[in-house]
Amino acid sequence: MKELLESITAQFESFKTDAELQTEKGNKAAGTRARKSSLALEKLMKEFRKNSLEDAKK
């Protein structure tokens, strides 16, 4: 679970950086990277939810 949280944090930082570049500087490539990161974050968050529910059942 700790590794998953580290992955989520790293992916969010990447998303945040790219999203800021897109909004502040109009960097289109950063927007593409931010969208890709958001999809990866979605998958990681679903995995977190699954693991969290399993841990709650124990």
N, C-alpha and C. Protein backbone atom coordinates (compact mmCIF):
# COMPACT_ATOMS: atom_id res chain seq x y z
N MET A 1 0.83 -1.18 0.00
CA MET A 1 0.00 0.00 0.00
C MET A 1 0.88 1.26 0.00
N LYS A 2 1.99 1.19 0.71
CA LYS A 2 2.89 2.34 0.77
C LYS A 2 3.46 2.65 -0.61
N GLU A 3 3.81 1.60 -1.35
CA GLU A 3 4.33 1.79 -2.71
C GLU A 3 3.28 2.42 -3.61
N LEU A 4 2.04 2.02 -3.43
CA LEU A 4 0.94 2.58 -4.22
C LEU A 4 0.78 4.07 -3.92
N LEU A 5 0.86 4.43 -2.66
CA LEU A 5 0.74 5.84 -2.28
C LEU A 5 1.89 6.66 -2.86
N GLU A 6 3.09 6.09 -2.89
CA GLU A 6 4.23 6.78 -3.48
C GLU A 6 4.02 6.97 -4.99
N SER A 7 3.47 5.96 -5.65
CA SER A 7 3.18 6.06 -7.08
C SER A 7 2.14 7.14 -7.35
N ILE A 8 1.11 7.18 -6.52
CA ILE A 8 0.05 8.19 -6.68
C ILE A 8 0.64 9.59 -6.50
N THR A 9 1.47 9.76 -5.48
CA THR A 9 2.08 11.06 -5.22
C THR A 9 2.97 11.50 -6.38
N ALA A 10 3.79 10.60 -6.89
CA ALA A 10 4.68 10.93 -8.00
C ALA A 10 3.88 11.28 -9.25
N GLN A 11 2.84 10.51 -9.53
CA GLN A 11 2.03 10.76 -10.71
C GLN A 11 1.28 12.08 -10.58
N PHE A 12 0.81 12.40 -9.37
CA PHE A 12 0.11 13.66 -9.17
C PHE A 12 1.05 14.85 -9.37
N GLU A 13 2.26 14.73 -8.88
CA GLU A 13 3.24 15.82 -9.06
C GLU A 13 3.52 16.04 -10.54
N SER A 14 3.64 14.97 -11.28
CA SER A 14 3.84 15.07 -12.72
C SER A 14 2.65 15.76 -13.39
N PHE A 15 1.45 15.33 -13.00
CA PHE A 15 0.23 15.95 -13.54
C PHE A 15 0.18 17.43 -13.21
N LYS A 16 0.47 17.76 -11.97
CA LYS A 16 0.40 19.15 -11.52
C LYS A 16 1.36 20.04 -12.31
N THR A 17 2.58 19.57 -12.50
CA THR A 17 3.58 20.32 -13.25
C THR A 17 3.13 20.57 -14.68
N ASP A 18 2.68 19.51 -15.34
CA ASP A 18 2.26 19.64 -16.73
C ASP A 18 0.99 20.48 -16.87
N ALA A 19 0.06 20.33 -15.95
CA ALA A 19 -1.18 21.11 -16.01
C ALA A 19 -0.88 22.60 -15.83
N GLU A 20 0.05 22.92 -14.94
CA GLU A 20 0.43 24.32 -14.73
C GLU A 20 1.10 24.90 -15.97
N LEU A 21 1.96 24.10 -16.60
CA LEU A 21 2.60 24.56 -17.84
C LEU A 21 1.57 24.85 -18.93
N GLN A 22 0.57 24.00 -19.01
CA GLN A 22 -0.47 24.19 -20.02
C GLN A 22 -1.28 25.45 -19.74
N THR A 23 -1.71 25.61 -18.50
CA THR A 23 -2.59 26.73 -18.20
C THR A 23 -1.87 28.07 -18.15
N GLU A 24 -0.64 28.07 -17.65
CA GLU A 24 0.08 29.33 -17.49
C GLU A 24 0.83 29.77 -18.75
N LYS A 25 1.36 28.80 -19.48
CA LYS A 25 2.20 29.14 -20.63
C LYS A 25 1.63 28.68 -21.96
N GLY A 26 0.49 28.00 -21.92
CA GLY A 26 -0.13 27.55 -23.16
C GLY A 26 0.62 26.44 -23.86
N ASN A 27 1.38 25.68 -23.12
CA ASN A 27 2.18 24.59 -23.68
C ASN A 27 1.27 23.40 -24.03
N LYS A 28 1.06 23.19 -25.32
CA LYS A 28 0.14 22.13 -25.76
C LYS A 28 0.67 20.74 -25.44
N ALA A 29 1.97 20.53 -25.56
CA ALA A 29 2.55 19.21 -25.27
C ALA A 29 2.38 18.88 -23.78
N ALA A 30 2.49 19.89 -22.93
CA ALA A 30 2.28 19.67 -21.49
C ALA A 30 0.84 19.27 -21.23
N GLY A 31 -0.09 19.83 -22.00
CA GLY A 31 -1.49 19.46 -21.86
C GLY A 31 -1.72 18.00 -22.19
N THR A 32 -1.05 17.53 -23.22
CA THR A 32 -1.15 16.12 -23.60
C THR A 32 -0.59 15.23 -22.49
N ARG A 33 0.56 15.63 -21.95
CA ARG A 33 1.15 14.86 -20.84
C ARG A 33 0.25 14.88 -19.61
N ALA A 34 -0.37 16.01 -19.33
CA ALA A 34 -1.27 16.12 -18.17
C ALA A 34 -2.48 15.20 -18.33
N ARG A 35 -3.03 15.14 -19.53
CA ARG A 35 -4.18 14.26 -19.77
C ARG A 35 -3.76 12.80 -19.61
N LYS A 36 -2.58 12.46 -20.09
CA LYS A 36 -2.09 11.09 -19.94
C LYS A 36 -1.88 10.76 -18.45
N SER A 37 -1.33 11.71 -17.72
CA SER A 37 -1.14 11.51 -16.28
C SER A 37 -2.46 11.35 -15.55
N SER A 38 -3.48 12.09 -15.99
CA SER A 38 -4.78 11.98 -15.33
C SER A 38 -5.37 10.58 -15.51
N LEU A 39 -5.15 9.98 -16.67
CA LEU A 39 -5.63 8.61 -16.89
C LEU A 39 -4.88 7.62 -16.00
N ALA A 40 -3.58 7.83 -15.88
CA ALA A 40 -2.77 6.95 -15.01
C ALA A 40 -3.20 7.12 -13.56
N LEU A 41 -3.49 8.36 -13.16
CA LEU A 41 -3.95 8.62 -11.80
C LEU A 41 -5.28 7.92 -11.54
N GLU A 42 -6.15 7.95 -12.52
CA GLU A 42 -7.45 7.29 -12.38
C GLU A 42 -7.27 5.80 -12.08
N LYS A 43 -6.38 5.17 -12.82
CA LYS A 43 -6.12 3.74 -12.60
C LYS A 43 -5.53 3.49 -11.22
N LEU A 44 -4.58 4.34 -10.81
CA LEU A 44 -3.97 4.18 -9.49
C LEU A 44 -4.99 4.39 -8.37
N MET A 45 -5.88 5.35 -8.55
CA MET A 45 -6.89 5.61 -7.52
C MET A 45 -7.88 4.46 -7.42
N LYS A 46 -8.22 3.85 -8.54
CA LYS A 46 -9.10 2.67 -8.50
C LYS A 46 -8.42 1.52 -7.77
N GLU A 47 -7.13 1.36 -8.01
CA GLU A 47 -6.37 0.31 -7.32
C GLU A 47 -6.31 0.60 -5.83
N PHE A 48 -6.12 1.88 -5.48
CA PHE A 48 -6.10 2.25 -4.06
C PHE A 48 -7.44 1.93 -3.40
N ARG A 49 -8.53 2.28 -4.08
CA ARG A 49 -9.86 2.02 -3.53
C ARG A 49 -10.06 0.52 -3.31
N LYS A 50 -9.65 -0.28 -4.28
CA LYS A 50 -9.77 -1.73 -4.17
C LYS A 50 -8.98 -2.25 -2.97
N ASN A 51 -7.73 -1.81 -2.85
CA ASN A 51 -6.88 -2.25 -1.73
C ASN A 51 -7.43 -1.77 -0.39
N SER A 52 -7.95 -0.56 -0.37
CA SER A 52 -8.49 0.00 0.85
C SER A 52 -9.70 -0.80 1.33
N LEU A 53 -10.56 -1.17 0.39
CA LEU A 53 -11.74 -1.97 0.76
C LEU A 53 -11.33 -3.35 1.27
N GLU A 54 -10.32 -3.94 0.64
CA GLU A 54 -9.84 -5.25 1.10
C GLU A 54 -9.27 -5.17 2.50
N ASP A 55 -8.52 -4.10 2.79
CA ASP A 55 -7.95 -3.92 4.12
C ASP A 55 -9.04 -3.68 5.16
N ALA A 56 -10.09 -3.00 4.78
CA ALA A 56 -11.19 -2.72 5.72
C ALA A 56 -11.95 -3.98 6.09
N LYS A 57 -11.96 -4.96 5.20
CA LYS A 57 -12.67 -6.21 5.46
C LYS A 57 -11.92 -7.12 6.42
N LYS A 58 -10.65 -6.87 6.60
CA LYS A 58 -9.83 -7.75 7.46
C LYS A 58 -10.11 -7.52 8.92
